[in-house]
Amino acid sequence: MSIGLVEMAQRGQVTLPKALRDQYDIKSGQQFTVVDLGGAFLLSPKESKVDALCDQIKGELLQEGTSLEYLLAELRAMRTEKAGE
């Protein structure tokens, strides 16, 4: 377990020590999940689940040959059907 000292900068920015960034291959712009454990903060590098799911759905639809135009037409049809109920 590493212990390091960090300082809160303007606008709430905190810089992780270079040794930790190197050790865990943390890049500029990488996002983290922050969990408050009663005053102790846990940072976890994490890819957005929504982005990952969208990428997966996009890949599957492309494999099936489904187009954006088809999906939009289906959505319009569903909305029209729902409005008519």
PDB file of N, CA and C in Angstrom:
ATOM      1  N   MET A   1       0.847  -1.174   0.000  1.00  0.00           N
ATOM      2  CA  MET A   1       0.000   0.000   0.000  1.00  0.00           C
ATOM      3  C   MET A   1       0.889   1.233   0.000  1.00  0.00           C
ATOM      4  N   SER A   2       0.580   2.166  -0.934  1.00  0.00           N
ATOM      5  CA  SER A   2       1.325   3.417  -1.014  1.00  0.00           C
ATOM      6  C   SER A   2       0.554   4.512  -0.307  1.00  0.00           C
ATOM      7  N   ILE A   3       1.285   5.401   0.316  1.00  0.00           N
ATOM      8  CA  ILE A   3       0.688   6.582   0.926  1.00  0.00           C
ATOM      9  C   ILE A   3       1.409   7.785   0.357  1.00  0.00           C
ATOM     10  N   GLY A   4       0.658   8.729  -0.158  1.00  0.00           N
ATOM     11  CA  GLY A   4       1.249   9.923  -0.734  1.00  0.00           C
ATOM     12  C   GLY A   4       0.482  11.149  -0.270  1.00  0.00           C
ATOM     13  N   LEU A   5       1.097  12.278  -0.400  1.00  0.00           N
ATOM     14  CA  LEU A   5       0.471  13.536  -0.020  1.00  0.00           C
ATOM     15  C   LEU A   5       0.078  14.273  -1.285  1.00  0.00           C
ATOM     16  N   VAL A   6      -1.165  14.689  -1.372  1.00  0.00           N
ATOM     17  CA  VAL A   6      -1.629  15.478  -2.504  1.00  0.00           C
ATOM     18  C   VAL A   6      -2.256  16.756  -1.976  1.00  0.00           C
ATOM     19  N   GLU A   7      -2.374  17.744  -2.838  1.00  0.00           N
ATOM     20  CA  GLU A   7      -2.920  19.038  -2.442  1.00  0.00           C
ATOM     21  C   GLU A   7      -4.075  19.393  -3.354  1.00  0.00           C
ATOM     22  N   MET A   8      -5.130  19.953  -2.769  1.00  0.00           N
ATOM     23  CA  MET A   8      -6.279  20.397  -3.543  1.00  0.00           C
ATOM     24  C   MET A   8      -5.917  21.727  -4.192  1.00  0.00           C
ATOM     25  N   ALA A   9      -6.032  21.790  -5.516  1.00  0.00           N
ATOM     26  CA  ALA A   9      -5.744  23.013  -6.266  1.00  0.00           C
ATOM     27  C   ALA A   9      -7.053  23.770  -6.512  1.00  0.00           C
ATOM     28  N   GLN A  10      -6.940  24.870  -7.208  1.00  0.00           N
ATOM     29  CA  GLN A  10      -8.129  25.630  -7.558  1.00  0.00           C
ATOM     30  C   GLN A  10      -9.083  24.743  -8.349  1.00  0.00           C
ATOM     31  N   ARG A  11     -10.358  25.012  -8.233  1.00  0.00           N
ATOM     32  CA  ARG A  11     -11.403  24.279  -8.939  1.00  0.00           C
ATOM     33  C   ARG A  11     -11.454  22.810  -8.543  1.00  0.00           C
ATOM     34  N   GLY A  12     -10.924  22.454  -7.372  1.00  0.00           N
ATOM     35  CA  GLY A  12     -11.047  21.095  -6.854  1.00  0.00           C
ATOM     36  C   GLY A  12     -10.151  20.064  -7.496  1.00  0.00           C
ATOM     37  N   GLN A  13      -9.118  20.479  -8.173  1.00  0.00           N
ATOM     38  CA  GLN A  13      -8.235  19.528  -8.848  1.00  0.00           C
ATOM     39  C   GLN A  13      -7.209  18.941  -7.881  1.00  0.00           C
ATOM     40  N   VAL A  14      -7.001  17.629  -8.036  1.00  0.00           N
ATOM     41  CA  VAL A  14      -6.001  16.913  -7.254  1.00  0.00           C
ATOM     42  C   VAL A  14      -5.115  16.164  -8.249  1.00  0.00           C
ATOM     43  N   THR A  15      -3.805  16.233  -8.058  1.00  0.00           N
ATOM     44  CA  THR A  15      -2.870  15.537  -8.933  1.00  0.00           C
ATOM     45  C   THR A  15      -2.358  14.284  -8.236  1.00  0.00           C
ATOM     46  N   LEU A  16      -2.518  13.148  -8.899  1.00  0.00           N
ATOM     47  CA  LEU A  16      -1.985  11.907  -8.346  1.00  0.00           C
ATOM     48  C   LEU A  16      -0.474  11.892  -8.547  1.00  0.00           C
ATOM     49  N   PRO A  17       0.267  11.372  -7.573  1.00  0.00           N
ATOM     50  CA  PRO A  17       1.723  11.310  -7.718  1.00  0.00           C
ATOM     51  C   PRO A  17       2.124  10.533  -8.981  1.00  0.00           C
ATOM     52  N   LYS A  18       3.180  10.975  -9.642  1.00  0.00           N
ATOM     53  CA  LYS A  18       3.654  10.375 -10.885  1.00  0.00           C
ATOM     54  C   LYS A  18       3.923   8.881 -10.730  1.00  0.00           C
ATOM     55  N   ALA A  19       4.467   8.481  -9.601  1.00  0.00           N
ATOM     56  CA  ALA A  19       4.763   7.056  -9.387  1.00  0.00           C
ATOM     57  C   ALA A  19       3.484   6.212  -9.494  1.00  0.00           C
ATOM     58  N   LEU A  20       2.378   6.705  -8.937  1.00  0.00           N
ATOM     59  CA  LEU A  20       1.111   5.970  -9.023  1.00  0.00           C
ATOM     60  C   LEU A  20       0.559   5.984 -10.444  1.00  0.00           C
ATOM     61  N   ARG A  21       0.659   7.142 -11.111  1.00  0.00           N
ATOM     62  CA  ARG A  21       0.180   7.233 -12.500  1.00  0.00           C
ATOM     63  C   ARG A  21       0.947   6.257 -13.387  1.00  0.00           C
ATOM     64  N   ASP A  22       2.246   6.180 -13.195  1.00  0.00           N
ATOM     65  CA  ASP A  22       3.072   5.262 -13.978  1.00  0.00           C
ATOM     66  C   ASP A  22       2.758   3.803 -13.641  1.00  0.00           C
ATOM     67  N   GLN A  23       2.654   3.511 -12.354  1.00  0.00           N
ATOM     68  CA  GLN A  23       2.413   2.138 -11.902  1.00  0.00           C
ATOM     69  C   GLN A  23       1.108   1.578 -12.454  1.00  0.00           C
ATOM     70  N   TYR A  24       0.072   2.414 -12.525  1.00  0.00           N
ATOM     71  CA  TYR A  24      -1.248   1.957 -12.952  1.00  0.00           C
ATOM     72  C   TYR A  24      -1.621   2.426 -14.363  1.00  0.00           C
ATOM     73  N   ASP A  25      -0.644   2.982 -15.076  1.00  0.00           N
ATOM     74  CA  ASP A  25      -0.834   3.433 -16.454  1.00  0.00           C
ATOM     75  C   ASP A  25      -2.041   4.372 -16.570  1.00  0.00           C
ATOM     76  N   ILE A  26      -2.106   5.354 -15.691  1.00  0.00           N
ATOM     77  CA  ILE A  26      -3.192   6.330 -15.684  1.00  0.00           C
ATOM     78  C   ILE A  26      -2.824   7.471 -16.623  1.00  0.00           C
ATOM     79  N   LYS A  27      -3.722   7.751 -17.562  1.00  0.00           N
ATOM     80  CA  LYS A  27      -3.482   8.764 -18.581  1.00  0.00           C
ATOM     81  C   LYS A  27      -4.320  10.013 -18.323  1.00  0.00           C
ATOM     82  N   SER A  28      -3.859  11.128 -18.862  1.00  0.00           N
ATOM     83  CA  SER A  28      -4.594  12.383 -18.769  1.00  0.00           C
ATOM     84  C   SER A  28      -5.972  12.219 -19.395  1.00  0.00           C
ATOM     85  N   GLY A  29      -6.994  12.707 -18.728  1.00  0.00           N
ATOM     86  CA  GLY A  29      -8.360  12.624 -19.238  1.00  0.00           C
ATOM     87  C   GLY A  29      -9.102  11.368 -18.825  1.00  0.00           C
ATOM     88  N   GLN A  30      -8.388  10.419 -18.220  1.00  0.00           N
ATOM     89  CA  GLN A  30      -9.043   9.178 -17.775  1.00  0.00           C
ATOM     90  C   GLN A  30     -10.047   9.516 -16.685  1.00  0.00           C
ATOM     91  N   GLN A  31     -11.193   8.851 -16.710  1.00  0.00           N
ATOM     92  CA  GLN A  31     -12.232   9.100 -15.718  1.00  0.00           C
ATOM     93  C   GLN A  31     -12.182   8.077 -14.597  1.00  0.00           C
ATOM     94  N   PHE A  32     -12.691   8.506 -13.440  1.00  0.00           N
ATOM     95  CA  PHE A  32     -12.697   7.667 -12.254  1.00  0.00           C
ATOM     96  C   PHE A  32     -14.080   7.691 -11.616  1.00  0.00           C
ATOM     97  N   THR A  33     -14.401   6.615 -10.927  1.00  0.00           N
ATOM     98  CA  THR A  33     -15.548   6.592 -10.045  1.00  0.00           C
ATOM     99  C   THR A  33     -15.025   6.992  -8.670  1.00  0.00           C
ATOM    100  N   VAL A  34     -15.738   7.894  -7.991  1.00  0.00           N
ATOM    101  CA  VAL A  34     -15.336   8.344  -6.651  1.00  0.00           C
ATOM    102  C   VAL A  34     -16.378   7.848  -5.652  1.00  0.00           C
ATOM    103  N   VAL A  35     -15.910   7.148  -4.620  1.00  0.00           N
ATOM    104  CA  VAL A  35     -16.795   6.642  -3.578  1.00  0.00           C
ATOM    105  C   VAL A  35     -16.371   7.269  -2.257  1.00  0.00           C
ATOM    106  N   ASP A  36     -17.340   7.879  -1.564  1.00  0.00           N
ATOM    107  CA  ASP A  36     -17.083   8.485  -0.253  1.00  0.00           C
ATOM    108  C   ASP A  36     -17.318   7.422   0.815  1.00  0.00           C
ATOM    109  N   LEU A  37     -16.264   7.028   1.493  1.00  0.00           N
ATOM    110  CA  LEU A  37     -16.349   6.019   2.554  1.00  0.00           C
ATOM    111  C   LEU A  37     -16.285   6.706   3.912  1.00  0.00           C
ATOM    112  N   GLY A  38     -17.175   7.644   4.130  1.00  0.00           N
ATOM    113  CA  GLY A  38     -17.211   8.357   5.401  1.00  0.00           C
ATOM    114  C   GLY A  38     -16.001   9.253   5.614  1.00  0.00           C
ATOM    115  N   GLY A  39     -15.606   9.985   4.579  1.00  0.00           N
ATOM    116  CA  GLY A  39     -14.466  10.896   4.696  1.00  0.00           C
ATOM    117  C   GLY A  39     -13.192  10.364   4.070  1.00  0.00           C
ATOM    118  N   ALA A  40     -13.139   9.082   3.775  1.00  0.00           N
ATOM    119  CA  ALA A  40     -12.028   8.497   3.015  1.00  0.00           C
ATOM    120  C   ALA A  40     -12.551   8.280   1.603  1.00  0.00           C
ATOM    121  N   PHE A  41     -11.805   8.730   0.608  1.00  0.00           N
ATOM    122  CA  PHE A  41     -12.279   8.668  -0.769  1.00  0.00           C
ATOM    123  C   PHE A  41     -11.572   7.573  -1.540  1.00  0.00           C
ATOM    124  N   LEU A  42     -12.362   6.782  -2.235  1.00  0.00           N
ATOM    125  CA  LEU A  42     -11.847   5.698  -3.060  1.00  0.00           C
ATOM    126  C   LEU A  42     -11.986   6.116  -4.516  1.00  0.00           C
ATOM    127  N   LEU A  43     -10.868   6.135  -5.239  1.00  0.00           N
ATOM    128  CA  LEU A  43     -10.873   6.426  -6.675  1.00  0.00           C
ATOM    129  C   LEU A  43     -10.673   5.122  -7.417  1.00  0.00           C
ATOM    130  N   SER A  44     -11.529   4.869  -8.389  1.00  0.00           N
ATOM    131  CA  SER A  44     -11.418   3.642  -9.160  1.00  0.00           C
ATOM    132  C   SER A  44     -11.474   3.974 -10.645  1.00  0.00           C
ATOM    133  N   PRO A  45     -10.366   3.718 -11.385  1.00  0.00           N
ATOM    134  CA  PRO A  45     -10.426   3.952 -12.829  1.00  0.00           C
ATOM    135  C   PRO A  45     -11.529   3.074 -13.425  1.00  0.00           C
ATOM    136  N   LYS A  46     -12.398   3.697 -14.173  1.00  0.00           N
ATOM    137  CA  LYS A  46     -13.535   2.928 -14.654  1.00  0.00           C
ATOM    138  C   LYS A  46     -14.038   3.472 -15.979  1.00  0.00           C
ATOM    139  N   GLU A  47     -14.259   2.572 -16.906  1.00  0.00           N
ATOM    140  CA  GLU A  47     -14.886   2.929 -18.165  1.00  0.00           C
ATOM    141  C   GLU A  47     -16.388   3.027 -17.919  1.00  0.00           C
ATOM    142  N   SER A  48     -17.019   3.988 -18.539  1.00  0.00           N
ATOM    143  CA  SER A  48     -18.455   4.138 -18.410  1.00  0.00           C
ATOM    144  C   SER A  48     -19.163   2.893 -18.937  1.00  0.00           C
ATOM    145  N   LYS A  49     -20.060   2.331 -18.142  1.00  0.00           N
ATOM    146  CA  LYS A  49     -20.809   1.154 -18.581  1.00  0.00           C
ATOM    147  C   LYS A  49     -21.718   1.504 -19.750  1.00  0.00           C
ATOM    148  N   VAL A  50     -22.252   2.722 -19.738  1.00  0.00           N
ATOM    149  CA  VAL A  50     -23.137   3.148 -20.823  1.00  0.00           C
ATOM    150  C   VAL A  50     -22.364   3.167 -22.142  1.00  0.00           C
ATOM    151  N   ASP A  51     -21.158   3.757 -22.131  1.00  0.00           N
ATOM    152  CA  ASP A  51     -20.349   3.802 -23.350  1.00  0.00           C
ATOM    153  C   ASP A  51     -20.010   2.396 -23.832  1.00  0.00           C
ATOM    154  N   ALA A  52     -19.642   1.520 -22.911  1.00  0.00           N
ATOM    155  CA  ALA A  52     -19.289   0.149 -23.281  1.00  0.00           C
ATOM    156  C   ALA A  52     -20.494  -0.583 -23.874  1.00  0.00           C
ATOM    157  N   LEU A  53     -21.674  -0.407 -23.279  1.00  0.00           N
ATOM    158  CA  LEU A  53     -22.877  -1.051 -23.800  1.00  0.00           C
ATOM    159  C   LEU A  53     -23.255  -0.500 -25.172  1.00  0.00           C
ATOM    160  N   CYS A  54     -23.128   0.808 -25.354  1.00  0.00           N
ATOM    161  CA  CYS A  54     -23.429   1.418 -26.653  1.00  0.00           C
ATOM    162  C   CYS A  54     -22.504   0.868 -27.728  1.00  0.00           C
ATOM    163  N   ASP A  55     -21.233   0.744 -27.399  1.00  0.00           N
ATOM    164  CA  ASP A  55     -20.277   0.184 -28.354  1.00  0.00           C
ATOM    165  C   ASP A  55     -20.637  -1.256 -28.707  1.00  0.00           C
ATOM    166  N   GLN A  56     -21.046  -2.037 -27.702  1.00  0.00           N
ATOM    167  CA  GLN A  56     -21.417  -3.428 -27.932  1.00  0.00           C
ATOM    168  C   GLN A  56     -22.662  -3.513 -28.815  1.00  0.00           C
ATOM    169  N   ILE A  57     -23.674  -2.699 -28.512  1.00  0.00           N
ATOM    170  CA  ILE A  57     -24.916  -2.703 -29.299  1.00  0.00           C
ATOM    171  C   ILE A  57     -24.631  -2.260 -30.730  1.00  0.00           C
ATOM    172  N   LYS A  58     -23.821  -1.221 -30.875  1.00  0.00           N
ATOM    173  CA  LYS A  58     -23.461  -0.735 -32.210  1.00  0.00           C
ATOM    174  C   LYS A  58     -22.798  -1.843 -33.024  1.00  0.00           C
ATOM    175  N   GLY A  59     -21.850  -2.547 -32.412  1.00  0.00           N
ATOM    176  CA  GLY A  59     -21.160  -3.627 -33.104  1.00  0.00           C
ATOM    177  C   GLY A  59     -22.113  -4.729 -33.539  1.00  0.00           C
ATOM    178  N   GLU A  60     -23.035  -5.101 -32.661  1.00  0.00           N
ATOM    179  CA  GLU A  60     -23.995  -6.163 -32.981  1.00  0.00           C
ATOM    180  C   GLU A  60     -24.942  -5.738 -34.090  1.00  0.00           C
ATOM    181  N   LEU A  61     -25.404  -4.483 -34.050  1.00  0.00           N
ATOM    182  CA  LEU A  61     -26.307  -4.001 -35.088  1.00  0.00           C
ATOM    183  C   LEU A  61     -25.602  -3.920 -36.437  1.00  0.00           C
ATOM    184  N   LEU A  62     -24.353  -3.485 -36.425  1.00  0.00           N
ATOM    185  CA  LEU A  62     -23.594  -3.416 -37.676  1.00  0.00           C
ATOM    186  C   LEU A  62     -23.381  -4.806 -38.258  1.00  0.00           C
ATOM    187  N   GLN A  63     -23.118  -5.780 -37.378  1.00  0.00           N
ATOM    188  CA  GLN A  63     -22.937  -7.166 -37.831  1.00  0.00           C
ATOM    189  C   GLN A  63     -24.205  -7.686 -38.498  1.00  0.00           C
ATOM    190  N   GLU A  64     -25.360  -7.289 -37.974  1.00  0.00           N
ATOM    191  CA  GLU A  64     -26.644  -7.746 -38.516  1.00  0.00           C
ATOM    192  C   GLU A  64     -27.044  -6.957 -39.766  1.00  0.00           C
ATOM    193  N   GLY A  65     -26.326  -5.862 -40.032  1.00  0.00           N
ATOM    194  CA  GLY A  65     -26.660  -5.042 -41.196  1.00  0.00           C
ATOM    195  C   GLY A  65     -27.781  -4.055 -40.931  1.00  0.00           C
ATOM    196  N   THR A  66     -28.093  -3.809 -39.676  1.00  0.00           N
ATOM    197  CA  THR A  66     -29.144  -2.870 -39.313  1.00  0.00           C
ATOM    198  C   THR A  66     -28.617  -1.450 -39.443  1.00  0.00           C
ATOM    199  N   SER A  67     -29.420  -0.583 -40.078  1.00  0.00           N
ATOM    200  CA  SER A  67     -28.991   0.801 -40.275  1.00  0.00           C
ATOM    201  C   SER A  67     -29.669   1.726 -39.278  1.00  0.00           C
ATOM    202  N   LEU A  68     -29.107   2.911 -39.127  1.00  0.00           N
ATOM    203  CA  LEU A  68     -29.697   3.933 -38.269  1.00  0.00           C
ATOM    204  C   LEU A  68     -31.067   4.330 -38.810  1.00  0.00           C
ATOM    205  N   GLU A  69     -31.190   4.425 -40.126  1.00  0.00           N
ATOM    206  CA  GLU A  69     -32.464   4.798 -40.747  1.00  0.00           C
ATOM    207  C   GLU A  69     -33.558   3.790 -40.388  1.00  0.00           C
ATOM    208  N   TYR A  70     -33.212   2.510 -40.407  1.00  0.00           N
ATOM    209  CA  TYR A  70     -34.170   1.465 -40.048  1.00  0.00           C
ATOM    210  C   TYR A  70     -34.620   1.625 -38.595  1.00  0.00           C
ATOM    211  N   LEU A  71     -33.656   1.846 -37.694  1.00  0.00           N
ATOM    212  CA  LEU A  71     -33.989   1.997 -36.272  1.00  0.00           C
ATOM    213  C   LEU A  71     -34.886   3.209 -36.038  1.00  0.00           C
ATOM    214  N   LEU A  72     -34.592   4.318 -36.714  1.00  0.00           N
ATOM    215  CA  LEU A  72     -35.406   5.533 -36.560  1.00  0.00           C
ATOM    216  C   LEU A  72     -36.821   5.305 -37.098  1.00  0.00           C
ATOM    217  N   ALA A  73     -36.950   4.606 -38.224  1.00  0.00           N
ATOM    218  CA  ALA A  73     -38.270   4.301 -38.781  1.00  0.00           C
ATOM    219  C   ALA A  73     -39.072   3.429 -37.813  1.00  0.00           C
ATOM    220  N   GLU A  74     -38.420   2.437 -37.226  1.00  0.00           N
ATOM    221  CA  GLU A  74     -39.093   1.573 -36.244  1.00  0.00           C
ATOM    222  C   GLU A  74     -39.544   2.370 -35.022  1.00  0.00           C
ATOM    223  N   LEU A  75     -38.693   3.274 -34.566  1.00  0.00           N
ATOM    224  CA  LEU A  75     -39.037   4.115 -33.418  1.00  0.00           C
ATOM    225  C   LEU A  75     -40.247   4.992 -33.733  1.00  0.00           C
ATOM    226  N   ARG A  76     -40.249   5.592 -34.924  1.00  0.00           N
ATOM    227  CA  ARG A  76     -41.397   6.425 -35.323  1.00  0.00           C
ATOM    228  C   ARG A  76     -42.672   5.591 -35.369  1.00  0.00           C
ATOM    229  N   ALA A  77     -42.586   4.386 -35.917  1.00  0.00           N
ATOM    230  CA  ALA A  77     -43.750   3.510 -36.004  1.00  0.00           C
ATOM    231  C   ALA A  77     -44.271   3.146 -34.617  1.00  0.00           C
ATOM    232  N   MET A  78     -43.359   2.871 -33.693  1.00  0.00           N
ATOM    233  CA  MET A  78     -43.759   2.525 -32.322  1.00  0.00           C
ATOM    234  C   MET A  78     -44.441   3.711 -31.651  1.00  0.00           C
ATOM    235  N   ARG A  79     -43.921   4.907 -31.885  1.00  0.00           N
ATOM    236  CA  ARG A  79     -44.512   6.115 -31.279  1.00  0.00           C
ATOM    237  C   ARG A  79     -45.915   6.368 -31.854  1.00  0.00           C
ATOM    238  N   THR A  80     -46.048   6.182 -33.158  1.00  0.00           N
ATOM    239  CA  THR A  80     -47.347   6.378 -33.807  1.00  0.00           C
ATOM    240  C   THR A  80     -48.352   5.372 -33.266  1.00  0.00           C
ATOM    241  N   GLU A  81     -47.911   4.126 -33.147  1.00  0.00           N
ATOM    242  CA  GLU A  81     -48.782   3.074 -32.619  1.00  0.00           C
ATOM    243  C   GLU A  81     -49.199   3.393 -31.190  1.00  0.00           C
ATOM    244  N   LYS A  82     -48.258   3.844 -30.383  1.00  0.00           N
ATOM    245  CA  LYS A  82     -48.544   4.163 -28.985  1.00  0.00           C
ATOM    246  C   LYS A  82     -49.497   5.342 -28.869  1.00  0.00           C
ATOM    247  N   ALA A  83     -49.333   6.348 -29.744  1.00  0.00           N
ATOM    248  CA  ALA A  83     -50.187   7.536 -29.717  1.00  0.00           C
ATOM    249  C   ALA A  83     -51.606   7.201 -30.109  1.00  0.00           C
ATOM    250  N   GLY A  84     -51.790   6.160 -30.941  1.00  0.00           N
ATOM    251  CA  GLY A  84     -53.102   5.762 -31.392  1.00  0.00           C
ATOM    252  C   GLY A  84     -53.883   4.930 -30.382  1.00  0.00           C
ATOM    253  N   GLU A  85     -53.241   4.496 -29.350  1.00  0.00           N
ATOM    254  CA  GLU A  85     -53.920   3.637 -28.338  1.00  0.00           C
ATOM    255  C   GLU A  85     -54.835   4.430 -27.456  1.00  0.00           C
TER     256      GLU A  85
END
